[in-house]
C-alpha cells in the first residue's frame, strides 16, 4: 500500500527510509514552492506543539518549530537578529505574555 505525503521533509529522511528498504520517491521544490511548503510546515509544527502532552514532547516539538523558523529565515534572507530586534520592539510596545491575561470582552462604540 502506498501512502502519499506531498509535504516538506527533513534532509535525512530519504536515508532513513532507504535503510528500511521501502521504495519511495522524492522531488525538490522550486523557490516559490519551498517558501509555501515552509509556511505550511510552520503551521503543522505549531499544531504539534499545541497537541503535545508532556514536557519532553513539548521540547521536541518546539525544537522542530525552531528548525522550520530557521529554514524560513534563511530562505527569505532574514537574519535571526532582525527578528529578535523586532520581537523586542513589539514586547516593548505591547508587552509579553507573562501576566497570563485573558481578554474577555471589549465594548464597541455604537
PDB file of N, CA and C in Angstrom:
ATOM      1  N   UNK A   1       0.843  -1.179   0.000  1.00  0.00           N
ATOM      2  CA  UNK A   1       0.000   0.000   0.000  1.00  0.00           C
ATOM      3  C   UNK A   1       0.890   1.245   0.000  1.00  0.00           C
ATOM      4  N   UNK A   2       0.603   2.176  -0.866  1.00  0.00           N
ATOM      5  CA  UNK A   2       1.358   3.421  -0.987  1.00  0.00           C
ATOM      6  C   UNK A   2       0.662   4.530  -0.210  1.00  0.00           C
ATOM      7  N   UNK A   3       1.425   5.255   0.607  1.00  0.00           N
ATOM      8  CA  UNK A   3       0.913   6.407   1.346  1.00  0.00           C
ATOM      9  C   UNK A   3       1.484   7.661   0.697  1.00  0.00           C
ATOM     10  N   UNK A   4       0.625   8.577   0.290  1.00  0.00           N
ATOM     11  CA  UNK A   4       1.049   9.818  -0.351  1.00  0.00           C
ATOM     12  C   UNK A   4       1.152  10.918   0.703  1.00  0.00           C
ATOM     13  N   UNK A   5       2.281  11.621   0.705  1.00  0.00           N
ATOM     14  CA  UNK A   5       2.513  12.686   1.684  1.00  0.00           C
ATOM     15  C   UNK A   5       2.495  14.078   1.043  1.00  0.00           C
ATOM     16  N   UNK A   6       3.276  14.272  -0.004  1.00  0.00           N
ATOM     17  CA  UNK A   6       3.371  15.582  -0.657  1.00  0.00           C
ATOM     18  C   UNK A   6       3.619  16.704   0.348  1.00  0.00           C
ATOM     19  N   UNK A   7       4.657  16.545   1.167  1.00  0.00           N
ATOM     20  CA  UNK A   7       4.986  17.574   2.147  1.00  0.00           C
ATOM     21  C   UNK A   7       6.496  17.672   2.297  1.00  0.00           C
ATOM     22  N   UNK A   8       6.928  18.809   2.820  1.00  0.00           N
ATOM     23  CA  UNK A   8       8.334  19.068   3.072  1.00  0.00           C
ATOM     24  C   UNK A   8       8.853  18.112   4.139  1.00  0.00           C
ATOM     25  N   UNK A   9      10.028  17.540   3.891  1.00  0.00           N
ATOM     26  CA  UNK A   9      10.651  16.642   4.856  1.00  0.00           C
ATOM     27  C   UNK A   9      12.066  17.112   5.160  1.00  0.00           C
ATOM     28  N   UNK A  10      12.605  16.634   6.273  1.00  0.00           N
ATOM     29  CA  UNK A  10      13.986  16.945   6.637  1.00  0.00           C
ATOM     30  C   UNK A  10      14.950  16.246   5.686  1.00  0.00           C
ATOM     31  N   UNK A  11      16.159  16.801   5.580  1.00  0.00           N
ATOM     32  CA  UNK A  11      17.152  16.331   4.619  1.00  0.00           C
ATOM     33  C   UNK A  11      17.546  14.865   4.787  1.00  0.00           C
ATOM     34  N   UNK A  12      17.542  14.344   6.001  1.00  0.00           N
ATOM     35  CA  UNK A  12      17.992  12.971   6.234  1.00  0.00           C
ATOM     36  C   UNK A  12      16.898  11.920   6.128  1.00  0.00           C
ATOM     37  N   UNK A  13      15.674  12.325   5.901  1.00  0.00           N
ATOM     38  CA  UNK A  13      14.565  11.371   5.821  1.00  0.00           C
ATOM     39  C   UNK A  13      14.748  10.365   4.685  1.00  0.00           C
ATOM     40  N   UNK A  14      15.205  10.758   3.481  1.00  0.00           N
ATOM     41  CA  UNK A  14      15.412   9.739   2.446  1.00  0.00           C
ATOM     42  C   UNK A  14      16.378   8.632   2.872  1.00  0.00           C
ATOM     43  N   UNK A  15      17.454   8.978   3.556  1.00  0.00           N
ATOM     44  CA  UNK A  15      18.402   7.960   4.028  1.00  0.00           C
ATOM     45  C   UNK A  15      17.755   7.058   5.067  1.00  0.00           C
ATOM     46  N   UNK A  16      16.941   7.643   5.912  1.00  0.00           N
ATOM     47  CA  UNK A  16      16.251   6.856   6.944  1.00  0.00           C
ATOM     48  C   UNK A  16      15.280   5.874   6.291  1.00  0.00           C
ATOM     49  N   UNK A  17      14.540   6.332   5.289  1.00  0.00           N
ATOM     50  CA  UNK A  17      13.606   5.448   4.585  1.00  0.00           C
ATOM     51  C   UNK A  17      14.371   4.384   3.800  1.00  0.00           C
ATOM     52  N   UNK A  18      15.476   4.780   3.157  1.00  0.00           N
ATOM     53  CA  UNK A  18      16.298   3.826   2.408  1.00  0.00           C
ATOM     54  C   UNK A  18      16.756   2.686   3.315  1.00  0.00           C
ATOM     55  N   UNK A  19      17.109   3.004   4.531  1.00  0.00           N
ATOM     56  CA  UNK A  19      17.576   1.984   5.482  1.00  0.00           C
ATOM     57  C   UNK A  19      16.489   0.964   5.804  1.00  0.00           C
ATOM     58  N   UNK A  20      15.225   1.338   5.617  1.00  0.00           N
ATOM     59  CA  UNK A  20      14.134   0.393   5.870  1.00  0.00           C
ATOM     60  C   UNK A  20      13.899  -0.540   4.695  1.00  0.00           C
ATOM     61  N   UNK A  21      14.470  -0.192   3.537  1.00  0.00           N
ATOM     62  CA  UNK A  21      14.271  -0.998   2.335  1.00  0.00           C
ATOM     63  C   UNK A  21      12.972  -0.710   1.616  1.00  0.00           C
ATOM     64  N   UNK A  22      12.221   0.259   2.071  1.00  0.00           N
ATOM     65  CA  UNK A  22      10.939   0.587   1.430  1.00  0.00           C
ATOM     66  C   UNK A  22      11.181   1.477   0.222  1.00  0.00           C
ATOM     67  N   UNK A  23      10.497   1.213  -0.884  1.00  0.00           N
ATOM     68  CA  UNK A  23      10.609   2.120  -2.032  1.00  0.00           C
ATOM     69  C   UNK A  23       9.882   3.439  -1.733  1.00  0.00           C
ATOM     70  N   UNK A  24      10.408   4.530  -2.314  1.00  0.00           N
ATOM     71  CA  UNK A  24       9.814   5.846  -2.117  1.00  0.00           C
ATOM     72  C   UNK A  24      10.280   6.750  -3.248  1.00  0.00           C
ATOM     73  N   UNK A  25       9.689   7.920  -3.317  1.00  0.00           N
ATOM     74  CA  UNK A  25      10.080   8.910  -4.318  1.00  0.00           C
ATOM     75  C   UNK A  25      10.062  10.286  -3.679  1.00  0.00           C
ATOM     76  N   UNK A  26      11.058  11.109  -4.031  1.00  0.00           N
ATOM     77  CA  UNK A  26      11.102  12.494  -3.580  1.00  0.00           C
ATOM     78  C   UNK A  26      11.256  13.402  -4.790  1.00  0.00           C
ATOM     79  N   UNK A  27      11.042  14.669  -4.576  1.00  0.00           N
ATOM     80  CA  UNK A  27      11.256  15.691  -5.579  1.00  0.00           C
ATOM     81  C   UNK A  27      11.657  16.956  -4.824  1.00  0.00           C
ATOM     82  N   UNK A  28      12.304  17.877  -5.500  1.00  0.00           N
ATOM     83  CA  UNK A  28      12.717  19.133  -4.865  1.00  0.00           C
ATOM     84  C   UNK A  28      11.745  20.243  -5.260  1.00  0.00           C
ATOM     85  N   UNK A  29      11.446  21.103  -4.302  1.00  0.00           N
ATOM     86  CA  UNK A  29      10.599  22.260  -4.560  1.00  0.00           C
ATOM     87  C   UNK A  29      11.381  23.330  -5.312  1.00  0.00           C
ATOM     88  N   UNK A  30      10.687  24.111  -6.139  1.00  0.00           N
ATOM     89  CA  UNK A  30      11.294  25.331  -6.650  1.00  0.00           C
ATOM     90  C   UNK A  30      11.210  26.374  -5.536  1.00  0.00           C
ATOM     91  N   UNK A  31      11.778  27.538  -5.738  1.00  0.00           N
ATOM     92  CA  UNK A  31      11.864  28.540  -4.664  1.00  0.00           C
ATOM     93  C   UNK A  31      10.492  28.925  -4.122  1.00  0.00           C
ATOM     94  N   UNK A  32       9.551  29.174  -5.001  1.00  0.00           N
ATOM     95  CA  UNK A  32       8.211  29.568  -4.581  1.00  0.00           C
ATOM     96  C   UNK A  32       7.528  28.443  -3.815  1.00  0.00           C
ATOM     97  N   UNK A  33       7.630  27.249  -4.332  1.00  0.00           N
ATOM     98  CA  UNK A  33       7.039  26.090  -3.664  1.00  0.00           C
ATOM     99  C   UNK A  33       7.672  25.824  -2.314  1.00  0.00           C
ATOM    100  N   UNK A  34       8.990  26.030  -2.224  1.00  0.00           N
ATOM    101  CA  UNK A  34       9.708  25.828  -0.972  1.00  0.00           C
ATOM    102  C   UNK A  34       9.229  26.811   0.097  1.00  0.00           C
ATOM    103  N   UNK A  35       9.091  28.076  -0.287  1.00  0.00           N
ATOM    104  CA  UNK A  35       8.596  29.089   0.651  1.00  0.00           C
ATOM    105  C   UNK A  35       7.203  28.703   1.163  1.00  0.00           C
ATOM    106  N   UNK A  36       6.346  28.275   0.255  1.00  0.00           N
ATOM    107  CA  UNK A  36       4.986  27.885   0.642  1.00  0.00           C
ATOM    108  C   UNK A  36       5.006  26.634   1.516  1.00  0.00           C
ATOM    109  N   UNK A  37       5.855  25.666   1.180  1.00  0.00           N
ATOM    110  CA  UNK A  37       5.961  24.437   1.976  1.00  0.00           C
ATOM    111  C   UNK A  37       6.473  24.733   3.381  1.00  0.00           C
ATOM    112  N   UNK A  38       7.410  25.660   3.501  1.00  0.00           N
ATOM    113  CA  UNK A  38       7.907  26.045   4.825  1.00  0.00           C
ATOM    114  C   UNK A  38       6.801  26.675   5.669  1.00  0.00           C
ATOM    115  N   UNK A  39       6.001  27.513   5.044  1.00  0.00           N
ATOM    116  CA  UNK A  39       4.901  28.140   5.783  1.00  0.00           C
ATOM    117  C   UNK A  39       3.883  27.088   6.240  1.00  0.00           C
ATOM    118  N   UNK A  40       3.617  26.122   5.374  1.00  0.00           N
ATOM    119  CA  UNK A  40       2.700  25.043   5.744  1.00  0.00           C
ATOM    120  C   UNK A  40       3.301  24.194   6.864  1.00  0.00           C
ATOM    121  N   UNK A  41       4.604  23.913   6.780  1.00  0.00           N
ATOM    122  CA  UNK A  41       5.286  23.124   7.805  1.00  0.00           C
ATOM    123  C   UNK A  41       5.280  23.877   9.137  1.00  0.00           C
ATOM    124  N   UNK A  42       5.374  25.198   9.088  1.00  0.00           N
ATOM    125  CA  UNK A  42       5.312  26.014  10.300  1.00  0.00           C
ATOM    126  C   UNK A  42       3.988  25.794  11.026  1.00  0.00           C
ATOM    127  N   UNK A  43       2.902  25.791  10.287  1.00  0.00           N
ATOM    128  CA  UNK A  43       1.577  25.552  10.863  1.00  0.00           C
ATOM    129  C   UNK A  43       1.500  24.131  11.420  1.00  0.00           C
ATOM    130  N   UNK A  44       1.995  23.162  10.661  1.00  0.00           N
ATOM    131  CA  UNK A  44       1.995  21.757  11.095  1.00  0.00           C
ATOM    132  C   UNK A  44       2.751  21.594  12.415  1.00  0.00           C
ATOM    133  N   UNK A  45       3.928  22.186  12.495  1.00  0.00           N
ATOM    134  CA  UNK A  45       4.736  22.063  13.708  1.00  0.00           C
ATOM    135  C   UNK A  45       4.090  22.789  14.883  1.00  0.00           C
ATOM    136  N   UNK A  46       3.477  23.944  14.629  1.00  0.00           N
ATOM    137  CA  UNK A  46       2.781  24.670  15.704  1.00  0.00           C
ATOM    138  C   UNK A  46       1.622  23.836  16.242  1.00  0.00           C
ATOM    139  N   UNK A  47       0.905  23.158  15.369  1.00  0.00           N
ATOM    140  CA  UNK A  47      -0.181  22.275  15.804  1.00  0.00           C
ATOM    141  C   UNK A  47       0.363  21.133  16.656  1.00  0.00           C
ATOM    142  N   UNK A  48       1.538  20.628  16.313  1.00  0.00           N
ATOM    143  CA  UNK A  48       2.136  19.549  17.095  1.00  0.00           C
ATOM    144  C   UNK A  48       2.574  20.047  18.478  1.00  0.00           C
ATOM    145  N   UNK A  49       3.028  21.295  18.559  1.00  0.00           N
ATOM    146  CA  UNK A  49       3.329  21.880  19.871  1.00  0.00           C
ATOM    147  C   UNK A  49       2.043  21.953  20.688  1.00  0.00           C
ATOM    148  N   UNK A  50       0.988  22.442  20.079  1.00  0.00           N
ATOM    149  CA  UNK A  50      -0.300  22.571  20.769  1.00  0.00           C
ATOM    150  C   UNK A  50      -0.794  21.223  21.283  1.00  0.00           C
ATOM    151  N   UNK A  51      -0.590  20.178  20.512  1.00  0.00           N
ATOM    152  CA  UNK A  51      -1.090  18.851  20.873  1.00  0.00           C
ATOM    153  C   UNK A  51      -0.175  18.088  21.825  1.00  0.00           C
ATOM    154  N   UNK A  52       1.021  18.587  22.065  1.00  0.00           N
ATOM    155  CA  UNK A  52       1.972  17.858  22.913  1.00  0.00           C
ATOM    156  C   UNK A  52       1.425  17.733  24.335  1.00  0.00           C
ATOM    157  N   UNK A  53       1.737  16.606  24.970  1.00  0.00           N
ATOM    158  CA  UNK A  53       1.157  16.292  26.281  1.00  0.00           C
ATOM    159  C   UNK A  53       2.169  16.151  27.409  1.00  0.00           C
ATOM    160  N   UNK A  54       3.446  16.208  27.086  1.00  0.00           N
ATOM    161  CA  UNK A  54       4.459  16.081  28.128  1.00  0.00           C
ATOM    162  C   UNK A  54       5.543  17.127  27.884  1.00  0.00           C
ATOM    163  N   UNK A  55       6.332  17.387  28.897  1.00  0.00           N
ATOM    164  CA  UNK A  55       7.421  18.354  28.740  1.00  0.00           C
ATOM    165  C   UNK A  55       8.405  17.886  27.673  1.00  0.00           C
ATOM    166  N   UNK A  56       8.735  16.603  27.693  1.00  0.00           N
ATOM    167  CA  UNK A  56       9.671  16.049  26.705  1.00  0.00           C
ATOM    168  C   UNK A  56       9.133  16.222  25.290  1.00  0.00           C
ATOM    169  N   UNK A  57       7.873  15.917  25.095  1.00  0.00           N
ATOM    170  CA  UNK A  57       7.252  16.064  23.778  1.00  0.00           C
ATOM    171  C   UNK A  57       7.182  17.533  23.372  1.00  0.00           C
ATOM    172  N   UNK A  58       6.861  18.411  24.307  1.00  0.00           N
ATOM    173  CA  UNK A  58       6.793  19.842  24.017  1.00  0.00           C
ATOM    174  C   UNK A  58       8.153  20.372  23.592  1.00  0.00           C
ATOM    175  N   UNK A  59       9.199  19.957  24.283  1.00  0.00           N
ATOM    176  CA  UNK A  59      10.556  20.384  23.921  1.00  0.00           C
ATOM    177  C   UNK A  59      10.897  19.925  22.514  1.00  0.00           C
ATOM    178  N   UNK A  60      10.596  18.669  22.196  1.00  0.00           N
ATOM    179  CA  UNK A  60      10.880  18.126  20.862  1.00  0.00           C
ATOM    180  C   UNK A  60      10.130  18.905  19.783  1.00  0.00           C
ATOM    181  N   UNK A  61       8.867  19.185  20.026  1.00  0.00           N
ATOM    182  CA  UNK A  61       8.053  19.880  19.028  1.00  0.00           C
ATOM    183  C   UNK A  61       8.473  21.340  18.873  1.00  0.00           C
ATOM    184  N   UNK A  62       8.855  21.997  19.959  1.00  0.00           N
ATOM    185  CA  UNK A  62       9.343  23.377  19.844  1.00  0.00           C
ATOM    186  C   UNK A  62      10.670  23.394  19.093  1.00  0.00           C
ATOM    187  N   UNK A  63      11.523  22.392  19.318  1.00  0.00           N
ATOM    188  CA  UNK A  63      12.777  22.289  18.557  1.00  0.00           C
ATOM    189  C   UNK A  63      12.485  22.143  17.064  1.00  0.00           C
ATOM    190  N   UNK A  64      11.480  21.336  16.713  1.00  0.00           N
ATOM    191  CA  UNK A  64      11.080  21.192  15.311  1.00  0.00           C
ATOM    192  C   UNK A  64      10.559  22.512  14.756  1.00  0.00           C
ATOM    193  N   UNK A  65       9.786  23.222  15.566  1.00  0.00           N
ATOM    194  CA  UNK A  65       9.262  24.521  15.150  1.00  0.00           C
ATOM    195  C   UNK A  65      10.400  25.501  14.888  1.00  0.00           C
ATOM    196  N   UNK A  66      11.389  25.536  15.799  1.00  0.00           N
ATOM    197  CA  UNK A  66      12.558  26.395  15.595  1.00  0.00           C
ATOM    198  C   UNK A  66      13.301  26.030  14.312  1.00  0.00           C
ATOM    199  N   UNK A  67      13.395  24.743  14.009  1.00  0.00           N
ATOM    200  CA  UNK A  67      14.084  24.310  12.790  1.00  0.00           C
ATOM    201  C   UNK A  67      13.402  24.887  11.550  1.00  0.00           C
ATOM    202  N   UNK A  68      12.077  24.869  11.547  1.00  0.00           N
ATOM    203  CA  UNK A  68      11.324  25.419  10.413  1.00  0.00           C
ATOM    204  C   UNK A  68      11.492  26.935  10.361  1.00  0.00           C
ATOM    205  N   UNK A  69      11.438  27.591  11.502  1.00  0.00           N
ATOM    206  CA  UNK A  69      11.633  29.052  11.541  1.00  0.00           C
ATOM    207  C   UNK A  69      13.010  29.400  10.981  1.00  0.00           C
ATOM    208  N   UNK A  70      14.048  28.682  11.412  1.00  0.00           N
ATOM    209  CA  UNK A  70      15.400  28.942  10.907  1.00  0.00           C
ATOM    210  C   UNK A  70      15.476  28.746   9.392  1.00  0.00           C
ATOM    211  N   UNK A  71      14.842  27.700   8.881  1.00  0.00           N
ATOM    212  CA  UNK A  71      14.845  27.452   7.431  1.00  0.00           C
ATOM    213  C   UNK A  71      14.096  28.552   6.691  1.00  0.00           C
ATOM    214  N   UNK A  72      12.983  29.005   7.244  1.00  0.00           N
ATOM    215  CA  UNK A  72      12.206  30.074   6.617  1.00  0.00           C
ATOM    216  C   UNK A  72      12.984  31.383   6.614  1.00  0.00           C
ATOM    217  N   UNK A  73      13.676  31.675   7.711  1.00  0.00           N
ATOM    218  CA  UNK A  73      14.518  32.872   7.758  1.00  0.00           C
ATOM    219  C   UNK A  73      15.606  32.807   6.696  1.00  0.00           C
ATOM    220  N   UNK A  74      16.292  31.666   6.618  1.00  0.00           N
ATOM    221  CA  UNK A  74      17.363  31.505   5.633  1.00  0.00           C
ATOM    222  C   UNK A  74      16.825  31.634   4.207  1.00  0.00           C
ATOM    223  N   UNK A  75      15.700  31.002   3.932  1.00  0.00           N
ATOM    224  CA  UNK A  75      15.119  31.048   2.587  1.00  0.00           C
ATOM    225  C   UNK A  75      14.654  32.450   2.220  1.00  0.00           C
ATOM    226  N   UNK A  76      14.294  33.232   3.226  1.00  0.00           N
ATOM    227  CA  UNK A  76      13.798  34.587   2.993  1.00  0.00           C
ATOM    228  C   UNK A  76      14.895  35.639   3.083  1.00  0.00           C
ATOM    229  N   UNK A  77      16.104  35.228   3.448  1.00  0.00           N
ATOM    230  CA  UNK A  77      17.204  36.171   3.574  1.00  0.00           C
ATOM    231  C   UNK A  77      17.052  37.102   4.763  1.00  0.00           C
ATOM    232  N   UNK A  78      16.403  36.623   5.819  1.00  0.00           N
ATOM    233  CA  UNK A  78      16.172  37.422   7.021  1.00  0.00           C
ATOM    234  C   UNK A  78      17.057  36.881   8.133  1.00  0.00           C
ATOM    235  N   UNK A  79      17.744  37.769   8.842  1.00  0.00           N
ATOM    236  CA  UNK A  79      18.607  37.309   9.932  1.00  0.00           C
ATOM    237  C   UNK A  79      17.791  37.115  11.204  1.00  0.00           C
ATOM    238  N   UNK A  80      18.250  36.207  12.030  1.00  0.00           N
ATOM    239  CA  UNK A  80      17.618  35.972  13.324  1.00  0.00           C
ATOM    240  C   UNK A  80      17.684  37.236  14.174  1.00  0.00           C
ATOM    241  N   UNK A  81      18.786  37.978  14.057  1.00  0.00           N
ATOM    242  CA  UNK A  81      18.952  39.214  14.814  1.00  0.00           C
ATOM    243  C   UNK A  81      17.875  40.232  14.460  1.00  0.00           C
ATOM    244  N   UNK A  82      17.517  40.306  13.182  1.00  0.00           N
ATOM    245  CA  UNK A  82      16.451  41.213  12.743  1.00  0.00           C
ATOM    246  C   UNK A  82      15.132  40.840  13.400  1.00  0.00           C
ATOM    247  N   UNK A  83      14.849  39.559  13.448  1.00  0.00           N
ATOM    248  CA  UNK A  83      13.606  39.092  14.063  1.00  0.00           C
ATOM    249  C   UNK A  83      13.628  39.332  15.571  1.00  0.00           C
ATOM    250  N   UNK A  84      14.751  39.045  16.205  1.00  0.00           N
ATOM    251  CA  UNK A  84      14.845  39.263  17.653  1.00  0.00           C
ATOM    252  C   UNK A  84      14.699  40.736  18.009  1.00  0.00           C
ATOM    253  N   UNK A  85      15.245  41.618  17.173  1.00  0.00           N
ATOM    254  CA  UNK A  85      15.083  43.060  17.399  1.00  0.00           C
ATOM    255  C   UNK A  85      13.612  43.450  17.269  1.00  0.00           C
ATOM    256  N   UNK A  86      12.931  42.907  16.278  1.00  0.00           N
ATOM    257  CA  UNK A  86      11.503  43.194  16.100  1.00  0.00           C
ATOM    258  C   UNK A  86      10.697  42.616  17.254  1.00  0.00           C
ATOM    259  N   UNK A  87      11.070  41.434  17.733  1.00  0.00           N
ATOM    260  CA  UNK A  87      10.401  40.832  18.886  1.00  0.00           C
ATOM    261  C   UNK A  87      10.520  41.747  20.105  1.00  0.00           C
ATOM    262  N   UNK A  88      11.705  42.267  20.347  1.00  0.00           N
ATOM    263  CA  UNK A  88      11.912  43.156  21.480  1.00  0.00           C
ATOM    264  C   UNK A  88      11.108  44.441  21.332  1.00  0.00           C
ATOM    265  N   UNK A  89      11.077  44.991  20.116  1.00  0.00           N
ATOM    266  CA  UNK A  89      10.295  46.205  19.859  1.00  0.00           C
ATOM    267  C   UNK A  89       8.817  45.960  20.157  1.00  0.00           C
ATOM    268  N   UNK A  90       8.296  44.844  19.687  1.00  0.00           N
ATOM    269  CA  UNK A  90       6.885  44.533  19.922  1.00  0.00           C
ATOM    270  C   UNK A  90       6.612  44.266  21.400  1.00  0.00           C
ATOM    271  N   UNK A  91       7.567  43.634  22.087  1.00  0.00           N
ATOM    272  CA  UNK A  91       7.421  43.400  23.530  1.00  0.00           C
ATOM    273  C   UNK A  91       7.410  44.736  24.265  1.00  0.00           C
ATOM    274  N   UNK A  92       8.283  45.658  23.859  1.00  0.00           N
ATOM    275  CA  UNK A  92       8.327  46.978  24.487  1.00  0.00           C
ATOM    276  C   UNK A  92       7.020  47.742  24.261  1.00  0.00           C
ATOM    277  N   UNK A  93       6.459  47.620  23.061  1.00  0.00           N
ATOM    278  CA  UNK A  93       5.250  48.358  22.704  1.00  0.00           C
ATOM    279  C   UNK A  93       3.979  47.719  23.260  1.00  0.00           C
ATOM    280  N   UNK A  94       3.900  46.393  23.196  1.00  0.00           N
ATOM    281  CA  UNK A  94       2.654  45.697  23.503  1.00  0.00           C
ATOM    282  C   UNK A  94       2.743  44.760  24.705  1.00  0.00           C
ATOM    283  N   UNK A  95       3.960  44.530  25.194  1.00  0.00           N
ATOM    284  CA  UNK A  95       4.151  43.625  26.308  1.00  0.00           C
ATOM    285  C   UNK A  95       4.378  42.199  25.841  1.00  0.00           C
ATOM    286  N   UNK A  96       4.627  41.346  26.812  1.00  0.00           N
ATOM    287  CA  UNK A  96       4.802  39.923  26.531  1.00  0.00           C
ATOM    288  C   UNK A  96       3.547  39.169  26.940  1.00  0.00           C
ATOM    289  N   UNK A  97       3.728  37.953  27.426  1.00  0.00           N
ATOM    290  CA  UNK A  97       2.593  37.132  27.847  1.00  0.00           C
ATOM    291  C   UNK A  97       2.739  36.661  29.292  1.00  0.00           C
ATOM    292  N   UNK A  98       3.687  37.238  30.023  1.00  0.00           N
ATOM    293  CA  UNK A  98       3.992  36.796  31.369  1.00  0.00           C
ATOM    294  C   UNK A  98       2.877  36.986  32.383  1.00  0.00           C
ATOM    295  N   UNK A  99       1.988  37.933  32.152  1.00  0.00           N
ATOM    296  CA  UNK A  99       0.895  38.180  33.103  1.00  0.00           C
ATOM    297  C   UNK A  99      -0.270  37.221  32.918  1.00  0.00           C
ATOM    298  N   UNK A 100      -0.231  36.416  31.866  1.00  0.00           N
ATOM    299  CA  UNK A 100      -1.260  35.395  31.604  1.00  0.00           C
ATOM    300  C   UNK A 100      -2.658  35.995  31.466  1.00  0.00           C
ATOM    301  N   UNK A 101      -2.740  37.179  30.871  1.00  0.00           N
ATOM    302  CA  UNK A 101      -4.016  37.872  30.741  1.00  0.00           C
ATOM    303  C   UNK A 101      -4.894  37.245  29.669  1.00  0.00           C
ATOM    304  N   UNK A 102      -6.187  37.170  29.966  1.00  0.00           N
ATOM    305  CA  UNK A 102      -7.191  36.684  29.018  1.00  0.00           C
ATOM    306  C   UNK A 102      -8.172  37.807  28.754  1.00  0.00           C
ATOM    307  N   UNK A 103      -8.304  38.230  27.495  1.00  0.00           N
ATOM    308  CA  UNK A 103      -9.274  39.277  27.158  1.00  0.00           C
ATOM    309  C   UNK A 103     -10.668  38.643  27.087  1.00  0.00           C
ATOM    310  N   UNK A 104     -11.568  39.139  27.891  1.00  0.00           N
ATOM    311  CA  UNK A 104     -12.911  38.576  27.933  1.00  0.00           C
ATOM    312  C   UNK A 104     -13.874  39.309  27.005  1.00  0.00           C
ATOM    313  N   UNK A 105     -13.810  40.622  26.968  1.00  0.00           N
ATOM    314  CA  UNK A 105     -14.673  41.365  26.066  1.00  0.00           C
ATOM    315  C   UNK A 105     -14.194  42.808  25.940  1.00  0.00           C
ATOM    316  N   UNK A 106     -14.653  43.462  24.880  1.00  0.00           N
ATOM    317  CA  UNK A 106     -14.428  44.880  24.631  1.00  0.00           C
ATOM    318  C   UNK A 106     -15.731  45.418  24.081  1.00  0.00           C
ATOM    319  N   UNK A 107     -16.206  46.490  24.651  1.00  0.00           N
ATOM    320  CA  UNK A 107     -17.421  47.095  24.145  1.00  0.00           C
ATOM    321  C   UNK A 107     -17.096  47.977  22.966  1.00  0.00           C
ATOM    322  N   UNK A 108     -17.775  47.761  21.891  1.00  0.00           N
ATOM    323  CA  UNK A 108     -17.573  48.538  20.664  1.00  0.00           C
ATOM    324  C   UNK A 108     -18.482  49.768  20.693  1.00  0.00           C
ATOM    325  N   UNK A 109     -17.998  50.852  20.122  1.00  0.00           N
ATOM    326  CA  UNK A 109     -18.798  52.086  20.030  1.00  0.00           C
ATOM    327  C   UNK A 109     -19.951  51.856  19.076  1.00  0.00           C
ATOM    328  N   UNK A 110     -21.086  52.467  19.408  1.00  0.00           N
ATOM    329  CA  UNK A 110     -22.273  52.322  18.539  1.00  0.00           C
ATOM    330  C   UNK A 110     -22.177  53.135  17.296  1.00  0.00           C
TER     331      UNK A 110
END
